[in-house]
Amino acid sequence: MTDTYIRRATETDLPALTALEYQTFSDAFRIQYPPEDFEAFLRDHKSPEAVRKAFRQEGSEYYVAAAGEQLTGFVQLNFNKQPDNGTLLPEPVMEIEKIYVLQTTQSRGTGKALIHYALQLARQRHVRTVWLGVWKHNPRARALYEREGFSVFGEHAFIIGSRRDRDLLMAKVLTGNS
């Protein structure tokens, strides 16, 4: 990842960010769902309007990884948002809601760099617990999060069309060194 850098996304990034979110989500999950369900989900949750709304949501921040002018990945962070499964984590909390990386740049350290950047921001803001959801059938992502010190504390539903999947919820309690 020699020429990659991470910065906070701006409004001018929205078209590229929308395209990146649409592509990375499609690449990762399209084959898992019936086409009509998946296309409806993309229209409802990955459209320019949906991405703009999430981008402008209070307490939410986007950071992009870029190589030159091309965005190669991004992370969406939500501050002071507890999990939706009823678990109360030690506060203050930060959710890593989305962390998406282009398939062509996976295994180059972009995802790991985005996680490290998110954890650095959490420490700077005195966040106590960082949490995220990961599809239970994504062993590669789960392994990365486990290597970074996250552990499973629960599950919640992720619904696309008529299919109800389970995401594992993972958390990391930050201490002085972790």
N, C-alpha and C. Protein backbone atom coordinates (compact mmCIF):
# COMPACT_ATOMS: atom_id res chain seq x y z
N MET A 1 0.82 -1.17 0.00
CA MET A 1 0.00 0.00 0.00
C MET A 1 0.87 1.25 0.00
N THR A 2 1.89 1.27 -0.80
CA THR A 2 2.87 2.33 -0.73
C THR A 2 2.32 3.71 -1.09
N ASP A 3 1.45 3.82 -2.08
CA ASP A 3 0.95 5.11 -2.52
C ASP A 3 -0.46 5.40 -2.02
N THR A 4 -0.93 4.65 -1.06
CA THR A 4 -2.29 4.83 -0.56
C THR A 4 -2.26 5.72 0.66
N TYR A 5 -3.24 6.62 0.75
CA TYR A 5 -3.38 7.46 1.92
C TYR A 5 -4.85 7.49 2.32
N ILE A 6 -5.11 7.87 3.55
CA ILE A 6 -6.47 7.93 4.09
C ILE A 6 -6.76 9.36 4.50
N ARG A 7 -7.96 9.81 4.16
CA ARG A 7 -8.38 11.16 4.52
C ARG A 7 -9.89 11.16 4.75
N ARG A 8 -10.35 12.20 5.42
CA ARG A 8 -11.79 12.34 5.64
C ARG A 8 -12.46 12.67 4.30
N ALA A 9 -13.56 12.00 4.02
CA ALA A 9 -14.31 12.25 2.80
C ALA A 9 -15.03 13.59 2.89
N THR A 10 -15.20 14.22 1.73
CA THR A 10 -15.90 15.49 1.65
C THR A 10 -17.10 15.33 0.72
N GLU A 11 -17.94 16.35 0.69
CA GLU A 11 -19.11 16.35 -0.19
C GLU A 11 -18.70 16.11 -1.65
N THR A 12 -17.55 16.63 -2.06
CA THR A 12 -17.12 16.45 -3.45
C THR A 12 -16.78 15.01 -3.76
N ASP A 13 -16.55 14.19 -2.72
CA ASP A 13 -16.27 12.76 -2.91
C ASP A 13 -17.53 11.93 -3.12
N LEU A 14 -18.71 12.51 -2.88
CA LEU A 14 -19.94 11.71 -2.89
C LEU A 14 -20.17 10.91 -4.17
N PRO A 15 -19.98 11.46 -5.37
CA PRO A 15 -20.18 10.62 -6.57
C PRO A 15 -19.24 9.41 -6.60
N ALA A 16 -17.96 9.64 -6.32
CA ALA A 16 -17.00 8.53 -6.32
C ALA A 16 -17.26 7.57 -5.17
N LEU A 17 -17.64 8.11 -4.01
CA LEU A 17 -17.94 7.28 -2.85
C LEU A 17 -19.16 6.40 -3.11
N THR A 18 -20.19 6.97 -3.74
CA THR A 18 -21.38 6.20 -4.10
C THR A 18 -21.03 5.07 -5.06
N ALA A 19 -20.24 5.37 -6.07
CA ALA A 19 -19.83 4.34 -7.04
C ALA A 19 -19.01 3.25 -6.35
N LEU A 20 -18.13 3.65 -5.44
CA LEU A 20 -17.30 2.69 -4.72
C LEU A 20 -18.15 1.80 -3.83
N GLU A 21 -19.10 2.40 -3.11
CA GLU A 21 -19.96 1.60 -2.24
C GLU A 21 -20.79 0.61 -3.05
N TYR A 22 -21.36 1.08 -4.14
CA TYR A 22 -22.18 0.23 -5.01
C TYR A 22 -21.34 -0.94 -5.54
N GLN A 23 -20.16 -0.63 -6.07
CA GLN A 23 -19.31 -1.67 -6.66
C GLN A 23 -18.81 -2.68 -5.63
N THR A 24 -18.29 -2.20 -4.51
CA THR A 24 -17.72 -3.12 -3.54
C THR A 24 -18.79 -4.01 -2.92
N PHE A 25 -19.96 -3.45 -2.64
CA PHE A 25 -21.04 -4.25 -2.07
C PHE A 25 -21.52 -5.27 -3.10
N SER A 26 -21.66 -4.84 -4.35
CA SER A 26 -22.10 -5.76 -5.42
C SER A 26 -21.09 -6.89 -5.61
N ASP A 27 -19.82 -6.54 -5.68
CA ASP A 27 -18.78 -7.55 -5.87
C ASP A 27 -18.79 -8.60 -4.76
N ALA A 28 -19.02 -8.14 -3.54
CA ALA A 28 -18.96 -9.04 -2.39
C ALA A 28 -20.20 -9.90 -2.21
N PHE A 29 -21.38 -9.37 -2.57
CA PHE A 29 -22.61 -10.05 -2.15
C PHE A 29 -23.60 -10.40 -3.25
N ARG A 30 -23.41 -9.93 -4.46
CA ARG A 30 -24.41 -10.14 -5.53
C ARG A 30 -24.78 -11.62 -5.70
N ILE A 31 -23.81 -12.50 -5.71
CA ILE A 31 -24.10 -13.93 -5.98
C ILE A 31 -24.82 -14.62 -4.82
N GLN A 32 -24.93 -13.94 -3.67
CA GLN A 32 -25.54 -14.56 -2.50
C GLN A 32 -27.07 -14.45 -2.48
N TYR A 33 -27.64 -13.57 -3.31
CA TYR A 33 -29.05 -13.24 -3.20
C TYR A 33 -29.76 -13.34 -4.54
N PRO A 34 -31.09 -13.57 -4.52
CA PRO A 34 -31.86 -13.54 -5.76
C PRO A 34 -31.71 -12.16 -6.42
N PRO A 35 -31.54 -12.14 -7.74
CA PRO A 35 -31.29 -10.86 -8.45
C PRO A 35 -32.30 -9.77 -8.15
N GLU A 36 -33.59 -10.09 -8.12
CA GLU A 36 -34.59 -9.05 -7.88
C GLU A 36 -34.49 -8.46 -6.47
N ASP A 37 -34.20 -9.30 -5.48
CA ASP A 37 -34.02 -8.82 -4.11
C ASP A 37 -32.78 -7.94 -4.02
N PHE A 38 -31.70 -8.38 -4.65
CA PHE A 38 -30.44 -7.65 -4.57
C PHE A 38 -30.56 -6.29 -5.26
N GLU A 39 -31.16 -6.27 -6.44
CA GLU A 39 -31.31 -4.99 -7.16
C GLU A 39 -32.18 -4.01 -6.37
N ALA A 40 -33.23 -4.50 -5.74
CA ALA A 40 -34.08 -3.63 -4.91
C ALA A 40 -33.28 -3.08 -3.73
N PHE A 41 -32.46 -3.92 -3.11
CA PHE A 41 -31.62 -3.46 -1.99
C PHE A 41 -30.65 -2.39 -2.46
N LEU A 42 -30.01 -2.60 -3.61
CA LEU A 42 -29.09 -1.59 -4.14
C LEU A 42 -29.80 -0.27 -4.38
N ARG A 43 -31.00 -0.32 -4.97
CA ARG A 43 -31.77 0.91 -5.22
C ARG A 43 -32.10 1.63 -3.92
N ASP A 44 -32.47 0.88 -2.89
CA ASP A 44 -32.90 1.47 -1.63
C ASP A 44 -31.75 1.91 -0.73
N HIS A 45 -30.62 1.20 -0.77
CA HIS A 45 -29.55 1.42 0.21
C HIS A 45 -28.21 1.87 -0.36
N LYS A 46 -28.03 1.77 -1.66
CA LYS A 46 -26.73 2.13 -2.26
C LYS A 46 -26.87 3.19 -3.35
N SER A 47 -28.02 3.81 -3.43
CA SER A 47 -28.27 4.86 -4.42
C SER A 47 -27.53 6.13 -4.00
N PRO A 48 -27.38 7.08 -4.92
CA PRO A 48 -26.76 8.37 -4.53
C PRO A 48 -27.51 9.04 -3.37
N GLU A 49 -28.83 8.97 -3.38
CA GLU A 49 -29.61 9.59 -2.31
C GLU A 49 -29.35 8.91 -0.96
N ALA A 50 -29.31 7.58 -0.96
CA ALA A 50 -29.08 6.83 0.28
C ALA A 50 -27.68 7.09 0.84
N VAL A 51 -26.69 7.11 -0.03
CA VAL A 51 -25.31 7.37 0.41
C VAL A 51 -25.20 8.80 0.93
N ARG A 52 -25.80 9.75 0.24
CA ARG A 52 -25.78 11.14 0.68
C ARG A 52 -26.43 11.28 2.06
N LYS A 53 -27.55 10.61 2.25
CA LYS A 53 -28.25 10.68 3.54
C LYS A 53 -27.37 10.10 4.66
N ALA A 54 -26.74 8.96 4.42
CA ALA A 54 -25.85 8.35 5.42
C ALA A 54 -24.65 9.26 5.68
N PHE A 55 -24.12 9.86 4.62
CA PHE A 55 -22.95 10.73 4.74
C PHE A 55 -23.25 11.94 5.62
N ARG A 56 -24.47 12.44 5.52
CA ARG A 56 -24.85 13.65 6.26
C ARG A 56 -25.46 13.36 7.63
N GLN A 57 -25.59 12.09 7.97
CA GLN A 57 -26.20 11.70 9.25
C GLN A 57 -25.34 12.22 10.41
N GLU A 58 -25.98 12.83 11.38
CA GLU A 58 -25.25 13.35 12.54
C GLU A 58 -24.54 12.22 13.27
N GLY A 59 -23.27 12.45 13.62
CA GLY A 59 -22.48 11.45 14.33
C GLY A 59 -21.79 10.46 13.41
N SER A 60 -21.99 10.60 12.11
CA SER A 60 -21.40 9.68 11.14
C SER A 60 -20.29 10.39 10.38
N GLU A 61 -19.18 9.69 10.17
CA GLU A 61 -18.05 10.23 9.42
C GLU A 61 -17.53 9.17 8.46
N TYR A 62 -17.17 9.61 7.27
CA TYR A 62 -16.59 8.72 6.25
C TYR A 62 -15.13 9.10 6.04
N TYR A 63 -14.31 8.09 5.89
CA TYR A 63 -12.90 8.26 5.55
C TYR A 63 -12.60 7.38 4.36
N VAL A 64 -11.85 7.91 3.41
CA VAL A 64 -11.55 7.18 2.18
C VAL A 64 -10.08 6.85 2.10
N ALA A 65 -9.80 5.69 1.51
CA ALA A 65 -8.45 5.31 1.15
C ALA A 65 -8.32 5.61 -0.34
N ALA A 66 -7.23 6.24 -0.72
CA ALA A 66 -7.05 6.63 -2.12
C ALA A 66 -5.63 6.32 -2.55
N ALA A 67 -5.53 5.92 -3.79
CA ALA A 67 -4.24 5.74 -4.45
C ALA A 67 -4.25 6.72 -5.62
N GLY A 68 -3.51 7.79 -5.48
CA GLY A 68 -3.61 8.85 -6.47
C GLY A 68 -4.99 9.47 -6.40
N GLU A 69 -5.66 9.54 -7.53
CA GLU A 69 -7.01 10.12 -7.58
C GLU A 69 -8.11 9.07 -7.38
N GLN A 70 -7.75 7.78 -7.39
CA GLN A 70 -8.75 6.71 -7.31
C GLN A 70 -9.02 6.31 -5.86
N LEU A 71 -10.30 6.30 -5.49
CA LEU A 71 -10.68 5.78 -4.18
C LEU A 71 -10.63 4.26 -4.24
N THR A 72 -9.97 3.65 -3.27
CA THR A 72 -9.81 2.20 -3.25
C THR A 72 -10.56 1.53 -2.11
N GLY A 73 -11.05 2.34 -1.17
CA GLY A 73 -11.81 1.80 -0.06
C GLY A 73 -12.30 2.93 0.82
N PHE A 74 -13.17 2.58 1.77
CA PHE A 74 -13.66 3.59 2.70
C PHE A 74 -14.16 2.92 3.97
N VAL A 75 -14.30 3.73 4.98
CA VAL A 75 -14.87 3.29 6.25
C VAL A 75 -15.89 4.34 6.68
N GLN A 76 -17.02 3.86 7.19
CA GLN A 76 -18.03 4.74 7.78
C GLN A 76 -18.04 4.49 9.28
N LEU A 77 -17.86 5.55 10.05
CA LEU A 77 -17.84 5.47 11.50
C LEU A 77 -19.05 6.18 12.07
N ASN A 78 -19.66 5.59 13.08
CA ASN A 78 -20.79 6.20 13.78
C ASN A 78 -20.40 6.34 15.25
N PHE A 79 -20.39 7.57 15.72
CA PHE A 79 -20.01 7.83 17.10
C PHE A 79 -21.24 7.83 18.00
N ASN A 80 -21.08 7.25 19.19
CA ASN A 80 -22.14 7.18 20.21
C ASN A 80 -23.35 6.39 19.76
N LYS A 81 -23.13 5.34 18.99
CA LYS A 81 -24.22 4.47 18.54
C LYS A 81 -24.01 3.07 19.12
N GLN A 82 -24.95 2.65 19.94
CA GLN A 82 -24.90 1.31 20.54
C GLN A 82 -25.46 0.28 19.55
N PRO A 83 -25.12 -0.99 19.74
CA PRO A 83 -25.67 -2.04 18.88
C PRO A 83 -27.19 -2.13 18.98
N ASP A 84 -27.81 -2.65 17.92
CA ASP A 84 -29.27 -2.75 17.87
C ASP A 84 -29.80 -4.07 18.42
N ASN A 85 -28.94 -4.87 19.05
CA ASN A 85 -29.40 -6.17 19.57
C ASN A 85 -29.69 -6.13 21.06
N GLY A 86 -29.67 -4.95 21.67
CA GLY A 86 -29.98 -4.83 23.09
C GLY A 86 -28.75 -4.82 23.99
N THR A 87 -27.58 -5.12 23.46
CA THR A 87 -26.36 -5.10 24.25
C THR A 87 -25.94 -3.65 24.49
N LEU A 88 -25.56 -3.33 25.71
CA LEU A 88 -25.00 -2.02 26.01
C LEU A 88 -23.51 -2.20 26.26
N LEU A 89 -22.71 -1.57 25.40
CA LEU A 89 -21.27 -1.66 25.51
C LEU A 89 -20.73 -0.52 26.35
N PRO A 90 -19.55 -0.72 26.96
CA PRO A 90 -18.95 0.38 27.74
C PRO A 90 -18.78 1.63 26.87
N GLU A 91 -19.25 2.76 27.38
CA GLU A 91 -19.24 4.01 26.63
C GLU A 91 -18.02 4.85 26.97
N PRO A 92 -17.70 5.78 26.08
CA PRO A 92 -18.30 6.07 24.79
C PRO A 92 -17.97 4.98 23.76
N VAL A 93 -18.87 4.85 22.78
CA VAL A 93 -18.74 3.80 21.76
C VAL A 93 -18.60 4.41 20.37
N MET A 94 -18.06 3.60 19.46
CA MET A 94 -17.98 3.96 18.05
C MET A 94 -18.24 2.70 17.24
N GLU A 95 -19.13 2.81 16.28
CA GLU A 95 -19.41 1.70 15.38
C GLU A 95 -18.64 1.88 14.08
N ILE A 96 -18.02 0.81 13.61
CA ILE A 96 -17.49 0.77 12.25
C ILE A 96 -18.62 0.14 11.44
N GLU A 97 -19.45 1.00 10.83
CA GLU A 97 -20.64 0.49 10.14
C GLU A 97 -20.29 -0.17 8.81
N LYS A 98 -19.42 0.46 8.07
CA LYS A 98 -19.03 -0.07 6.76
C LYS A 98 -17.53 0.05 6.63
N ILE A 99 -16.95 -1.01 6.09
CA ILE A 99 -15.55 -0.95 5.69
C ILE A 99 -15.48 -1.76 4.40
N TYR A 100 -15.37 -1.06 3.28
CA TYR A 100 -15.41 -1.69 1.96
C TYR A 100 -14.12 -1.34 1.22
N VAL A 101 -13.59 -2.36 0.54
CA VAL A 101 -12.35 -2.20 -0.23
C VAL A 101 -12.55 -2.84 -1.59
N LEU A 102 -12.08 -2.16 -2.63
CA LEU A 102 -12.16 -2.74 -3.98
C LEU A 102 -11.50 -4.11 -4.01
N GLN A 103 -12.12 -5.05 -4.73
CA GLN A 103 -11.53 -6.39 -4.85
C GLN A 103 -10.12 -6.33 -5.41
N THR A 104 -9.88 -5.44 -6.34
CA THR A 104 -8.56 -5.36 -6.98
C THR A 104 -7.47 -4.89 -6.03
N THR A 105 -7.86 -4.30 -4.90
CA THR A 105 -6.85 -3.84 -3.95
C THR A 105 -6.89 -4.61 -2.63
N GLN A 106 -7.72 -5.64 -2.56
CA GLN A 106 -7.73 -6.47 -1.35
C GLN A 106 -6.40 -7.23 -1.27
N SER A 107 -6.02 -7.60 -0.08
CA SER A 107 -4.75 -8.27 0.21
C SER A 107 -3.56 -7.34 0.03
N ARG A 108 -3.82 -6.04 -0.05
CA ARG A 108 -2.73 -5.06 -0.13
C ARG A 108 -2.66 -4.21 1.13
N GLY A 109 -3.45 -4.56 2.13
CA GLY A 109 -3.39 -3.85 3.40
C GLY A 109 -4.34 -2.69 3.54
N THR A 110 -5.21 -2.45 2.55
CA THR A 110 -6.11 -1.30 2.63
C THR A 110 -7.11 -1.45 3.77
N GLY A 111 -7.72 -2.62 3.89
CA GLY A 111 -8.69 -2.85 4.96
C GLY A 111 -8.04 -2.71 6.34
N LYS A 112 -6.88 -3.28 6.49
CA LYS A 112 -6.15 -3.19 7.76
C LYS A 112 -5.80 -1.74 8.06
N ALA A 113 -5.37 -0.99 7.05
CA ALA A 113 -5.03 0.42 7.26
C ALA A 113 -6.27 1.22 7.67
N LEU A 114 -7.42 0.93 7.07
CA LEU A 114 -8.65 1.62 7.45
C LEU A 114 -9.05 1.31 8.88
N ILE A 115 -8.89 0.05 9.29
CA ILE A 115 -9.20 -0.32 10.68
C ILE A 115 -8.27 0.41 11.63
N HIS A 116 -6.98 0.41 11.32
CA HIS A 116 -6.02 1.09 12.19
C HIS A 116 -6.32 2.58 12.28
N TYR A 117 -6.71 3.17 11.16
CA TYR A 117 -7.06 4.59 11.15
C TYR A 117 -8.28 4.84 12.04
N ALA A 118 -9.29 3.98 11.91
CA ALA A 118 -10.50 4.11 12.74
C ALA A 118 -10.17 3.98 14.22
N LEU A 119 -9.32 3.01 14.56
CA LEU A 119 -8.94 2.83 15.96
C LEU A 119 -8.14 4.02 16.48
N GLN A 120 -7.30 4.59 15.64
CA GLN A 120 -6.55 5.78 16.02
C GLN A 120 -7.50 6.95 16.31
N LEU A 121 -8.49 7.14 15.44
CA LEU A 121 -9.49 8.20 15.67
C LEU A 121 -10.25 7.94 16.97
N ALA A 122 -10.60 6.69 17.21
CA ALA A 122 -11.33 6.33 18.44
C ALA A 122 -10.50 6.70 19.67
N ARG A 123 -9.23 6.37 19.65
CA ARG A 123 -8.37 6.70 20.80
C ARG A 123 -8.26 8.22 20.99
N GLN A 124 -8.11 8.94 19.89
CA GLN A 124 -8.00 10.41 19.97
C GLN A 124 -9.26 11.02 20.58
N ARG A 125 -10.40 10.37 20.37
CA ARG A 125 -11.67 10.89 20.88
C ARG A 125 -12.10 10.21 22.17
N HIS A 126 -11.20 9.44 22.74
CA HIS A 126 -11.42 8.78 24.04
C HIS A 126 -12.59 7.81 24.01
N VAL A 127 -12.76 7.14 22.88
CA VAL A 127 -13.78 6.09 22.75
C VAL A 127 -13.33 4.89 23.57
N ARG A 128 -14.24 4.29 24.26
CA ARG A 128 -13.91 3.13 25.10
C ARG A 128 -14.09 1.82 24.33
N THR A 129 -15.18 1.72 23.52
CA THR A 129 -15.48 0.47 22.82
C THR A 129 -15.76 0.75 21.35
N VAL A 130 -15.10 -0.02 20.50
CA VAL A 130 -15.34 0.02 19.05
C VAL A 130 -16.02 -1.28 18.69
N TRP A 131 -17.09 -1.19 17.89
CA TRP A 131 -17.81 -2.41 17.51
C TRP A 131 -18.17 -2.37 16.04
N LEU A 132 -18.51 -3.55 15.51
CA LEU A 132 -18.88 -3.68 14.11
C LEU A 132 -19.70 -4.95 13.92
N GLY A 133 -20.35 -5.04 12.77
CA GLY A 133 -21.06 -6.26 12.37
C GLY A 133 -20.38 -6.83 11.15
N VAL A 134 -20.29 -8.15 11.10
CA VAL A 134 -19.67 -8.83 9.95
C VAL A 134 -20.51 -10.06 9.62
N TRP A 135 -20.74 -10.26 8.33
CA TRP A 135 -21.50 -11.42 7.89
C TRP A 135 -20.82 -12.69 8.40
N LYS A 136 -21.61 -13.55 9.02
CA LYS A 136 -21.02 -14.74 9.65
C LYS A 136 -20.37 -15.68 8.64
N HIS A 137 -20.69 -15.54 7.35
CA HIS A 137 -20.08 -16.38 6.32
C HIS A 137 -18.94 -15.67 5.59
N ASN A 138 -18.29 -14.72 6.25
CA ASN A 138 -17.15 -14.01 5.69
C ASN A 138 -15.93 -14.27 6.58
N PRO A 139 -15.33 -15.47 6.45
CA PRO A 139 -14.23 -15.82 7.35
C PRO A 139 -13.00 -14.94 7.19
N ARG A 140 -12.78 -14.41 6.02
CA ARG A 140 -11.61 -13.57 5.80
C ARG A 140 -11.71 -12.27 6.62
N ALA A 141 -12.87 -11.63 6.56
CA ALA A 141 -13.06 -10.40 7.34
C ALA A 141 -13.05 -10.70 8.83
N ARG A 142 -13.71 -11.77 9.22
CA ARG A 142 -13.73 -12.14 10.64
C ARG A 142 -12.32 -12.36 11.17
N ALA A 143 -11.50 -13.04 10.39
CA ALA A 143 -10.11 -13.31 10.81
C ALA A 143 -9.33 -12.00 10.97
N LEU A 144 -9.53 -11.07 10.05
CA LEU A 144 -8.86 -9.77 10.16
C LEU A 144 -9.28 -9.07 11.45
N TYR A 145 -10.57 -9.02 11.73
CA TYR A 145 -11.04 -8.34 12.93
C TYR A 145 -10.52 -9.03 14.19
N GLU A 146 -10.50 -10.36 14.18
CA GLU A 146 -9.96 -11.08 15.34
C GLU A 146 -8.48 -10.77 15.54
N ARG A 147 -7.70 -10.70 14.46
CA ARG A 147 -6.28 -10.34 14.57
C ARG A 147 -6.11 -8.94 15.15
N GLU A 148 -7.09 -8.08 14.91
CA GLU A 148 -7.03 -6.71 15.42
C GLU A 148 -7.61 -6.58 16.83
N GLY A 149 -7.98 -7.70 17.44
CA GLY A 149 -8.42 -7.70 18.83
C GLY A 149 -9.92 -7.64 19.06
N PHE A 150 -10.72 -7.78 18.00
CA PHE A 150 -12.17 -7.79 18.15
C PHE A 150 -12.62 -9.20 18.53
N SER A 151 -13.68 -9.28 19.34
CA SER A 151 -14.26 -10.58 19.68
C SER A 151 -15.78 -10.49 19.58
N VAL A 152 -16.40 -11.63 19.31
CA VAL A 152 -17.84 -11.71 19.10
C VAL A 152 -18.57 -11.51 20.43
N PHE A 153 -19.61 -10.66 20.40
CA PHE A 153 -20.44 -10.48 21.59
C PHE A 153 -21.92 -10.70 21.30
N GLY A 154 -22.29 -10.96 20.05
CA GLY A 154 -23.70 -11.18 19.73
C GLY A 154 -23.93 -11.25 18.24
N GLU A 155 -25.20 -11.19 17.87
CA GLU A 155 -25.61 -11.25 16.47
C GLU A 155 -26.75 -10.26 16.24
N HIS A 156 -26.97 -9.95 14.96
CA HIS A 156 -28.19 -9.24 14.57
C HIS A 156 -28.54 -9.62 13.13
N ALA A 157 -29.76 -9.31 12.74
CA ALA A 157 -30.25 -9.68 11.42
C ALA A 157 -29.81 -8.67 10.37
N PHE A 158 -29.52 -9.18 9.19
CA PHE A 158 -29.25 -8.35 8.02
C PHE A 158 -30.17 -8.87 6.92
N ILE A 159 -31.07 -8.01 6.45
CA ILE A 159 -32.13 -8.48 5.55
C ILE A 159 -31.96 -7.88 4.17
N ILE A 160 -31.96 -8.75 3.18
CA ILE A 160 -32.01 -8.34 1.78
C ILE A 160 -33.17 -9.10 1.15
N GLY A 161 -34.22 -8.36 0.80
CA GLY A 161 -35.40 -8.99 0.21
C GLY A 161 -36.03 -9.96 1.19
N SER A 162 -36.24 -11.18 0.71
CA SER A 162 -36.87 -12.20 1.54
C SER A 162 -35.86 -12.98 2.39
N ARG A 163 -34.58 -12.68 2.22
CA ARG A 163 -33.54 -13.44 2.93
C ARG A 163 -33.08 -12.69 4.18
N ARG A 164 -33.06 -13.41 5.26
CA ARG A 164 -32.63 -12.88 6.55
C ARG A 164 -31.33 -13.57 6.94
N ASP A 165 -30.24 -12.81 6.90
CA ASP A 165 -28.93 -13.35 7.27
C ASP A 165 -28.58 -12.91 8.69
N ARG A 166 -27.55 -13.53 9.23
CA ARG A 166 -27.07 -13.17 10.56
C ARG A 166 -25.69 -12.54 10.43
N ASP A 167 -25.54 -11.39 11.02
CA ASP A 167 -24.23 -10.77 11.16
C ASP A 167 -23.75 -11.01 12.58
N LEU A 168 -22.48 -11.32 12.71
CA LEU A 168 -21.87 -11.40 14.03
C LEU A 168 -21.51 -9.98 14.45
N LEU A 169 -21.74 -9.67 15.70
CA LEU A 169 -21.33 -8.39 16.25
C LEU A 169 -20.04 -8.61 17.01
N MET A 170 -19.05 -7.79 16.72
CA MET A 170 -17.73 -7.92 17.34
C MET A 170 -17.34 -6.59 17.95
N ALA A 171 -16.62 -6.65 19.07
CA ALA A 171 -16.22 -5.42 19.76
C ALA A 171 -14.78 -5.53 20.24
N LYS A 172 -14.21 -4.36 20.43
CA LYS A 172 -12.88 -4.24 21.00
C LYS A 172 -12.94 -3.11 22.03
N VAL A 173 -12.56 -3.44 23.26
CA VAL A 173 -12.49 -2.42 24.31
C VAL A 173 -11.08 -1.85 24.27
N LEU A 174 -11.01 -0.54 24.13
CA LEU A 174 -9.72 0.12 24.01
C LEU A 174 -9.14 0.41 25.39
N THR A 175 -7.89 0.10 25.52
CA THR A 175 -7.15 0.45 26.73
C THR A 175 -6.01 1.37 26.28
N GLY A 176 -5.13 1.69 27.15
CA GLY A 176 -4.02 2.57 26.79
C GLY A 176 -3.21 2.10 25.61
N ASN A 177 -3.01 0.80 25.44
CA ASN A 177 -2.14 0.29 24.38
C ASN A 177 -2.87 -0.42 23.27
N SER A 178 -4.15 -0.77 23.45
CA SER A 178 -4.79 -1.59 22.40
C SER A 178 -5.67 -0.80 21.49
